[in-house]
Amino acid sequence: PVPQPAPVAPAPTRPAVQLTPGTALALVGGGTAVVLVLGAVLVSLLLAVAITGASVAVCAVVLRSLLASDAKRR
């Protein structure tokens, strides 16, 4: 005898997500907040790198000046 295939249970239908104006506004607001926070973090990192680079450049100029004046004295 040929075995009968097991009956397949129908997939449960889940209700579709309803996008009301309130939830759409909340999603847009949340997305905007994420973009603003990420932008602020990235700008602050860029500013920190720029300040670090400028201070290293100033230190290099001061050291070069000190070494040059020390070499002239000898």
PDB file of N, CA and C in Angstrom:
ATOM      1  N   PRO A   1       0.838  -1.201   0.000  1.00  0.00           N
ATOM      2  CA  PRO A   1       0.000   0.000   0.000  1.00  0.00           C
ATOM      3  C   PRO A   1       0.873   1.250   0.000  1.00  0.00           C
ATOM      4  N   VAL A   2       0.417   2.240  -0.741  1.00  0.00           N
ATOM      5  CA  VAL A   2       1.130   3.516  -0.845  1.00  0.00           C
ATOM      6  C   VAL A   2       0.798   4.356   0.384  1.00  0.00           C
ATOM      7  N   PRO A   3       1.847   4.871   1.088  1.00  0.00           N
ATOM      8  CA  PRO A   3       1.536   5.692   2.277  1.00  0.00           C
ATOM      9  C   PRO A   3       0.906   7.018   1.868  1.00  0.00           C
ATOM     10  N   GLN A   4      -0.088   7.381   2.593  1.00  0.00           N
ATOM     11  CA  GLN A   4      -0.781   8.645   2.317  1.00  0.00           C
ATOM     12  C   GLN A   4       0.070   9.807   2.838  1.00  0.00           C
ATOM     13  N   PRO A   5       0.179  10.909   2.041  1.00  0.00           N
ATOM     14  CA  PRO A   5       0.931  12.073   2.538  1.00  0.00           C
ATOM     15  C   PRO A   5       0.226  12.683   3.743  1.00  0.00           C
ATOM     16  N   ALA A   6       1.042  13.147   4.664  1.00  0.00           N
ATOM     17  CA  ALA A   6       0.478  13.760   5.867  1.00  0.00           C
ATOM     18  C   ALA A   6      -0.236  15.045   5.475  1.00  0.00           C
ATOM     19  N   PRO A   7      -1.375  15.301   6.069  1.00  0.00           N
ATOM     20  CA  PRO A   7      -2.087  16.544   5.730  1.00  0.00           C
ATOM     21  C   PRO A   7      -1.279  17.765   6.175  1.00  0.00           C
ATOM     22  N   VAL A   8      -1.185  18.726   5.277  1.00  0.00           N
ATOM     23  CA  VAL A   8      -0.423  19.940   5.564  1.00  0.00           C
ATOM     24  C   VAL A   8      -1.354  20.946   6.214  1.00  0.00           C
ATOM     25  N   ALA A   9      -0.962  21.402   7.397  1.00  0.00           N
ATOM     26  CA  ALA A   9      -1.784  22.398   8.083  1.00  0.00           C
ATOM     27  C   ALA A   9      -1.591  23.738   7.386  1.00  0.00           C
ATOM     28  N   PRO A  10      -2.662  24.460   7.139  1.00  0.00           N
ATOM     29  CA  PRO A  10      -2.509  25.771   6.487  1.00  0.00           C
ATOM     30  C   PRO A  10      -1.726  26.713   7.394  1.00  0.00           C
ATOM     31  N   ALA A  11      -0.874  27.525   6.763  1.00  0.00           N
ATOM     32  CA  ALA A  11      -0.070  28.474   7.526  1.00  0.00           C
ATOM     33  C   ALA A  11      -0.994  29.465   8.214  1.00  0.00           C
ATOM     34  N   PRO A  12      -0.750  29.717   9.482  1.00  0.00           N
ATOM     35  CA  PRO A  12      -1.622  30.676  10.174  1.00  0.00           C
ATOM     36  C   PRO A  12      -1.455  32.066   9.559  1.00  0.00           C
ATOM     37  N   THR A  13      -2.573  32.665   9.284  1.00  0.00           N
ATOM     38  CA  THR A  13      -2.521  34.006   8.690  1.00  0.00           C
ATOM     39  C   THR A  13      -2.401  35.009   9.815  1.00  0.00           C
ATOM     40  N   ARG A  14      -1.318  35.792   9.775  1.00  0.00           N
ATOM     41  CA  ARG A  14      -1.175  36.807  10.808  1.00  0.00           C
ATOM     42  C   ARG A  14      -1.716  38.120  10.263  1.00  0.00           C
ATOM     43  N   PRO A  15      -2.248  38.909  11.114  1.00  0.00           N
ATOM     44  CA  PRO A  15      -2.834  40.167  10.629  1.00  0.00           C
ATOM     45  C   PRO A  15      -1.747  41.088  10.076  1.00  0.00           C
ATOM     46  N   ALA A  16      -2.092  41.754   9.002  1.00  0.00           N
ATOM     47  CA  ALA A  16      -1.145  42.684   8.386  1.00  0.00           C
ATOM     48  C   ALA A  16      -0.911  43.862   9.328  1.00  0.00           C
ATOM     49  N   VAL A  17       0.311  44.364   9.327  1.00  0.00           N
ATOM     50  CA  VAL A  17       0.634  45.507  10.174  1.00  0.00           C
ATOM     51  C   VAL A  17      -0.035  46.734   9.588  1.00  0.00           C
ATOM     52  N   GLN A  18      -0.812  47.385  10.404  1.00  0.00           N
ATOM     53  CA  GLN A  18      -1.521  48.565   9.915  1.00  0.00           C
ATOM     54  C   GLN A  18      -0.696  49.803  10.233  1.00  0.00           C
ATOM     55  N   LEU A  19      -0.438  50.591   9.212  1.00  0.00           N
ATOM     56  CA  LEU A  19       0.371  51.797   9.372  1.00  0.00           C
ATOM     57  C   LEU A  19      -0.569  52.988   9.485  1.00  0.00           C
ATOM     58  N   THR A  20      -0.845  53.356  10.715  1.00  0.00           N
ATOM     59  CA  THR A  20      -1.715  54.508  10.938  1.00  0.00           C
ATOM     60  C   THR A  20      -0.869  55.770  10.867  1.00  0.00           C
ATOM     61  N   PRO A  21      -1.490  56.913  10.710  1.00  0.00           N
ATOM     62  CA  PRO A  21      -0.709  58.163  10.679  1.00  0.00           C
ATOM     63  C   PRO A  21       0.135  58.363  11.933  1.00  0.00           C
ATOM     64  N   GLY A  22      -0.354  57.915  13.071  1.00  0.00           N
ATOM     65  CA  GLY A  22       0.412  58.061  14.310  1.00  0.00           C
ATOM     66  C   GLY A  22       1.679  57.223  14.294  1.00  0.00           C
ATOM     67  N   THR A  23       1.567  55.965  13.855  1.00  0.00           N
ATOM     68  CA  THR A  23       2.761  55.115  13.811  1.00  0.00           C
ATOM     69  C   THR A  23       3.721  55.589  12.729  1.00  0.00           C
ATOM     70  N   ALA A  24       3.196  56.078  11.620  1.00  0.00           N
ATOM     71  CA  ALA A  24       4.077  56.607  10.570  1.00  0.00           C
ATOM     72  C   ALA A  24       4.854  57.807  11.096  1.00  0.00           C
ATOM     73  N   LEU A  25       4.163  58.668  11.830  1.00  0.00           N
ATOM     74  CA  LEU A  25       4.824  59.844  12.404  1.00  0.00           C
ATOM     75  C   LEU A  25       5.877  59.425  13.430  1.00  0.00           C
ATOM     76  N   ALA A  26       5.562  58.394  14.219  1.00  0.00           N
ATOM     77  CA  ALA A  26       6.530  57.906  15.203  1.00  0.00           C
ATOM     78  C   ALA A  26       7.755  57.316  14.508  1.00  0.00           C
ATOM     79  N   LEU A  27       7.539  56.582  13.425  1.00  0.00           N
ATOM     80  CA  LEU A  27       8.667  56.010  12.681  1.00  0.00           C
ATOM     81  C   LEU A  27       9.538  57.103  12.082  1.00  0.00           C
ATOM     82  N   VAL A  28       8.903  58.109  11.495  1.00  0.00           N
ATOM     83  CA  VAL A  28       9.667  59.214  10.904  1.00  0.00           C
ATOM     84  C   VAL A  28      10.434  59.965  11.993  1.00  0.00           C
ATOM     85  N   GLY A  29       9.782  60.205  13.115  1.00  0.00           N
ATOM     86  CA  GLY A  29      10.455  60.890  14.220  1.00  0.00           C
ATOM     87  C   GLY A  29      11.622  60.086  14.761  1.00  0.00           C
ATOM     88  N   GLY A  30      11.425  58.783  14.914  1.00  0.00           N
ATOM     89  CA  GLY A  30      12.506  57.928  15.397  1.00  0.00           C
ATOM     90  C   GLY A  30      13.671  57.885  14.426  1.00  0.00           C
ATOM     91  N   GLY A  31      13.362  57.780  13.135  1.00  0.00           N
ATOM     92  CA  GLY A  31      14.422  57.779  12.124  1.00  0.00           C
ATOM     93  C   GLY A  31      15.185  59.087  12.110  1.00  0.00           C
ATOM     94  N   THR A  32      14.456  60.186  12.242  1.00  0.00           N
ATOM     95  CA  THR A  32      15.107  61.498  12.272  1.00  0.00           C
ATOM     96  C   THR A  32      16.021  61.618  13.487  1.00  0.00           C
ATOM     97  N   ALA A  33      15.555  61.130  14.630  1.00  0.00           N
ATOM     98  CA  ALA A  33      16.379  61.188  15.844  1.00  0.00           C
ATOM     99  C   ALA A  33      17.653  60.364  15.675  1.00  0.00           C
ATOM    100  N   VAL A  34      17.534  59.187  15.072  1.00  0.00           N
ATOM    101  CA  VAL A  34      18.715  58.337  14.863  1.00  0.00           C
ATOM    102  C   VAL A  34      19.706  59.032  13.946  1.00  0.00           C
ATOM    103  N   VAL A  35      19.204  59.633  12.862  1.00  0.00           N
ATOM    104  CA  VAL A  35      20.089  60.322  11.919  1.00  0.00           C
ATOM    105  C   VAL A  35      20.782  61.501  12.595  1.00  0.00           C
ATOM    106  N   LEU A  36      20.044  62.258  13.401  1.00  0.00           N
ATOM    107  CA  LEU A  36      20.640  63.408  14.081  1.00  0.00           C
ATOM    108  C   LEU A  36      21.697  62.978  15.093  1.00  0.00           C
ATOM    109  N   VAL A  37      21.420  61.920  15.843  1.00  0.00           N
ATOM    110  CA  VAL A  37      22.394  61.453  16.838  1.00  0.00           C
ATOM    111  C   VAL A  37      23.643  60.933  16.144  1.00  0.00           C
ATOM    112  N   LEU A  38      23.469  60.136  15.090  1.00  0.00           N
ATOM    113  CA  LEU A  38      24.634  59.629  14.356  1.00  0.00           C
ATOM    114  C   LEU A  38      25.434  60.773  13.744  1.00  0.00           C
ATOM    115  N   GLY A  39      24.739  61.769  13.208  1.00  0.00           N
ATOM    116  CA  GLY A  39      25.432  62.923  12.642  1.00  0.00           C
ATOM    117  C   GLY A  39      26.230  63.670  13.695  1.00  0.00           C
ATOM    118  N   ALA A  40      25.643  63.854  14.864  1.00  0.00           N
ATOM    119  CA  ALA A  40      26.357  64.560  15.933  1.00  0.00           C
ATOM    120  C   ALA A  40      27.583  63.774  16.383  1.00  0.00           C
ATOM    121  N   VAL A  41      27.451  62.461  16.484  1.00  0.00           N
ATOM    122  CA  VAL A  41      28.592  61.634  16.896  1.00  0.00           C
ATOM    123  C   VAL A  41      29.705  61.707  15.860  1.00  0.00           C
ATOM    124  N   LEU A  42      29.339  61.600  14.581  1.00  0.00           N
ATOM    125  CA  LEU A  42      30.359  61.633  13.531  1.00  0.00           C
ATOM    126  C   LEU A  42      31.039  62.997  13.454  1.00  0.00           C
ATOM    127  N   VAL A  43      30.267  64.064  13.596  1.00  0.00           N
ATOM    128  CA  VAL A  43      30.863  65.403  13.556  1.00  0.00           C
ATOM    129  C   VAL A  43      31.796  65.606  14.743  1.00  0.00           C
ATOM    130  N   SER A  44      31.402  65.117  15.916  1.00  0.00           N
ATOM    131  CA  SER A  44      32.278  65.276  17.081  1.00  0.00           C
ATOM    132  C   SER A  44      33.555  64.465  16.916  1.00  0.00           C
ATOM    133  N   LEU A  45      33.462  63.275  16.321  1.00  0.00           N
ATOM    134  CA  LEU A  45      34.675  62.495  16.061  1.00  0.00           C
ATOM    135  C   LEU A  45      35.582  63.213  15.074  1.00  0.00           C
ATOM    136  N   LEU A  46      34.993  63.776  14.031  1.00  0.00           N
ATOM    137  CA  LEU A  46      35.788  64.505  13.039  1.00  0.00           C
ATOM    138  C   LEU A  46      36.456  65.719  13.677  1.00  0.00           C
ATOM    139  N   LEU A  47      35.725  66.411  14.530  1.00  0.00           N
ATOM    140  CA  LEU A  47      36.288  67.570  15.219  1.00  0.00           C
ATOM    141  C   LEU A  47      37.431  67.150  16.145  1.00  0.00           C
ATOM    142  N   ALA A  48      37.265  66.028  16.832  1.00  0.00           N
ATOM    143  CA  ALA A  48      38.336  65.545  17.709  1.00  0.00           C
ATOM    144  C   ALA A  48      39.587  65.210  16.908  1.00  0.00           C
ATOM    145  N   VAL A  49      39.413  64.586  15.749  1.00  0.00           N
ATOM    146  CA  VAL A  49      40.566  64.260  14.903  1.00  0.00           C
ATOM    147  C   VAL A  49      41.235  65.537  14.406  1.00  0.00           C
ATOM    148  N   ALA A  50      40.435  66.531  14.012  1.00  0.00           N
ATOM    149  CA  ALA A  50      41.004  67.788  13.517  1.00  0.00           C
ATOM    150  C   ALA A  50      41.778  68.509  14.621  1.00  0.00           C
ATOM    151  N   ILE A  51      41.220  68.552  15.819  1.00  0.00           N
ATOM    152  CA  ILE A  51      41.903  69.221  16.933  1.00  0.00           C
ATOM    153  C   ILE A  51      43.198  68.483  17.275  1.00  0.00           C
ATOM    154  N   THR A  52      43.147  67.151  17.274  1.00  0.00           N
ATOM    155  CA  THR A  52      44.355  66.374  17.565  1.00  0.00           C
ATOM    156  C   THR A  52      45.426  66.631  16.519  1.00  0.00           C
ATOM    157  N   GLY A  53      45.031  66.647  15.249  1.00  0.00           N
ATOM    158  CA  GLY A  53      45.999  66.921  14.181  1.00  0.00           C
ATOM    159  C   GLY A  53      46.610  68.300  14.303  1.00  0.00           C
ATOM    160  N   ALA A  54      45.785  69.288  14.626  1.00  0.00           N
ATOM    161  CA  ALA A  54      46.297  70.653  14.762  1.00  0.00           C
ATOM    162  C   ALA A  54      47.264  70.753  15.942  1.00  0.00           C
ATOM    163  N   SER A  55      46.934  70.112  17.048  1.00  0.00           N
ATOM    164  CA  SER A  55      47.829  70.193  18.209  1.00  0.00           C
ATOM    165  C   SER A  55      49.137  69.457  17.951  1.00  0.00           C
ATOM    166  N   VAL A  56      49.091  68.347  17.235  1.00  0.00           N
ATOM    167  CA  VAL A  56      50.331  67.647  16.881  1.00  0.00           C
ATOM    168  C   VAL A  56      51.177  68.521  15.964  1.00  0.00           C
ATOM    169  N   ALA A  57      50.526  69.222  15.028  1.00  0.00           N
ATOM    170  CA  ALA A  57      51.269  70.110  14.128  1.00  0.00           C
ATOM    171  C   ALA A  57      51.923  71.248  14.911  1.00  0.00           C
ATOM    172  N   VAL A  58      51.204  71.820  15.864  1.00  0.00           N
ATOM    173  CA  VAL A  58      51.774  72.900  16.679  1.00  0.00           C
ATOM    174  C   VAL A  58      52.959  72.377  17.488  1.00  0.00           C
ATOM    175  N   CYS A  59      52.819  71.191  18.064  1.00  0.00           N
ATOM    176  CA  CYS A  59      53.943  70.607  18.817  1.00  0.00           C
ATOM    177  C   CYS A  59      55.145  70.382  17.912  1.00  0.00           C
ATOM    178  N   ALA A  60      54.915  69.928  16.692  1.00  0.00           N
ATOM    179  CA  ALA A  60      56.025  69.695  15.766  1.00  0.00           C
ATOM    180  C   ALA A  60      56.735  70.998  15.427  1.00  0.00           C
ATOM    181  N   VAL A  61      55.973  72.076  15.205  1.00  0.00           N
ATOM    182  CA  VAL A  61      56.577  73.370  14.881  1.00  0.00           C
ATOM    183  C   VAL A  61      57.387  73.888  16.066  1.00  0.00           C
ATOM    184  N   VAL A  62      56.846  73.759  17.274  1.00  0.00           N
ATOM    185  CA  VAL A  62      57.563  74.230  18.463  1.00  0.00           C
ATOM    186  C   VAL A  62      58.844  73.429  18.661  1.00  0.00           C
ATOM    187  N   LEU A  63      58.766  72.117  18.509  1.00  0.00           N
ATOM    188  CA  LEU A  63      59.970  71.294  18.660  1.00  0.00           C
ATOM    189  C   LEU A  63      61.017  71.635  17.609  1.00  0.00           C
ATOM    190  N   ARG A  64      60.570  71.836  16.376  1.00  0.00           N
ATOM    191  CA  ARG A  64      61.522  72.186  15.317  1.00  0.00           C
ATOM    192  C   ARG A  64      62.189  73.524  15.620  1.00  0.00           C
ATOM    193  N   SER A  65      61.404  74.470  16.113  1.00  0.00           N
ATOM    194  CA  SER A  65      61.951  75.779  16.452  1.00  0.00           C
ATOM    195  C   SER A  65      62.959  75.665  17.598  1.00  0.00           C
ATOM    196  N   LEU A  66      62.620  74.874  18.610  1.00  0.00           N
ATOM    197  CA  LEU A  66      63.542  74.694  19.734  1.00  0.00           C
ATOM    198  C   LEU A  66      64.833  74.019  19.287  1.00  0.00           C
ATOM    199  N   LEU A  67      64.708  73.000  18.455  1.00  0.00           N
ATOM    200  CA  LEU A  67      65.905  72.303  17.983  1.00  0.00           C
ATOM    201  C   LEU A  67      66.754  73.204  17.093  1.00  0.00           C
ATOM    202  N   ALA A  68      66.107  74.028  16.267  1.00  0.00           N
ATOM    203  CA  ALA A  68      66.854  74.926  15.382  1.00  0.00           C
ATOM    204  C   ALA A  68      67.582  75.993  16.200  1.00  0.00           C
ATOM    205  N   SER A  69      66.920  76.552  17.203  1.00  0.00           N
ATOM    206  CA  SER A  69      67.576  77.581  18.013  1.00  0.00           C
ATOM    207  C   SER A  69      68.707  76.973  18.842  1.00  0.00           C
ATOM    208  N   ASP A  70      68.537  75.736  19.274  1.00  0.00           N
ATOM    209  CA  ASP A  70      69.598  75.065  20.021  1.00  0.00           C
ATOM    210  C   ASP A  70      70.801  74.792  19.119  1.00  0.00           C
ATOM    211  N   ALA A  71      70.544  74.438  17.871  1.00  0.00           N
ATOM    212  CA  ALA A  71      71.639  74.173  16.933  1.00  0.00           C
ATOM    213  C   ALA A  71      72.375  75.467  16.586  1.00  0.00           C
ATOM    214  N   LYS A  72      71.664  76.595  16.517  1.00  0.00           N
ATOM    215  CA  LYS A  72      72.309  77.884  16.197  1.00  0.00           C
ATOM    216  C   LYS A  72      73.209  78.333  17.338  1.00  0.00           C
ATOM    217  N   ARG A  73      72.814  78.025  18.567  1.00  0.00           N
ATOM    218  CA  ARG A  73      73.574  78.455  19.726  1.00  0.00           C
ATOM    219  C   ARG A  73      74.945  77.769  19.794  1.00  0.00           C
ATOM    220  N   ARG A  74      75.021  76.570  19.294  1.00  0.00           N
ATOM    221  CA  ARG A  74      76.288  75.819  19.400  1.00  0.00           C
ATOM    222  C   ARG A  74      77.284  76.254  18.368  1.00  0.00           C
TER     223      ARG A  74
END
